[in-house]
Amino acid sequence: MLAAADEATGLVGTGFPEDEGHYLHGLVPSAIEHGGPGRFAFDARSHRGPSLTPDADRRVLRDSWEPFWASPSAPIRVEKSPQTLLQTRWIQSIEPTARFVIVLRHPITVALATQKWTRPGPPKMRRLAPAMTLERLVAHWLWAHHLFEQDRVDLDHVEVIRFEDFLHSAAARQGLMDRLGLWSTAPQPEQRRVDRGYHETWKQWLKSPAGRLTARSWLPTAAVAMQRWGYSLDDPLI
């Protein structure tokens, strides 16, 4: 959405999922190489500090992205990759004027949305493999954001916004745009209601034998950790 602003542009036509830029430069392993969704933050190698060769890395990164900017003359360029959460110091060392926008989303929603992608093995066999547990997926969210919080103190320009606020608050959207130097009016996002599918799945899990057995052991602790990021177990799942 930020890339849709008049002053900005984003990557298009890369041939990679969601046009994520990290697939193009090859300077660091992709999240898949660190275990994929729900796992990559547990691999210590995915958490990167400043580059040891910033000038060389800058040339590689810029050259790899240059052919794919939708509007090459736009003064502001927007790239989105989930693993950036753990690479902010590395990117800042390469591009010192970079501004980071970290979009939070309820960890339960993220766990439910991610679970189907955590089955291991070849694509045709994944449906038969067990997915990661919700406990492990929530723990991954919390750990990844804990690592980001450690890095945050070293960042010169960073914005943290909840997806839920960005979606439903025009003031929150416009405030973010203004702080980023995007002077056009913030685009109106597609209106989304509370996802009843996530709500129903979550309610059914809590009632299931596995939910009743395990929730008491980890959910109270996770709920306290979620509060640090402005979330509770009573929030609607969007």
Foldseek 3Di string as FASTA:
>chain_A
DLQPFPQHWEFPDPPDPVNALVVQLPPADALVVCQDALGNLVRVSLQDAADPCLAVSLVSSCVRRQVGIPDNVRPYYDHDDVSVLRCVNHVCNNVVVDAAEAEAAQQLLSLVVCQLVQQDDDPVCSVVGHTDDSLSSLVSVLSSNVSSVVVVVVRDHYHYYYPVCCQPPLVVQQVVCVVVVRPDRRDHDDHDDQDVVSVVVVVVLCVDPVNVVPCVVRVVVSQVSVVVVPDHPPDGHD
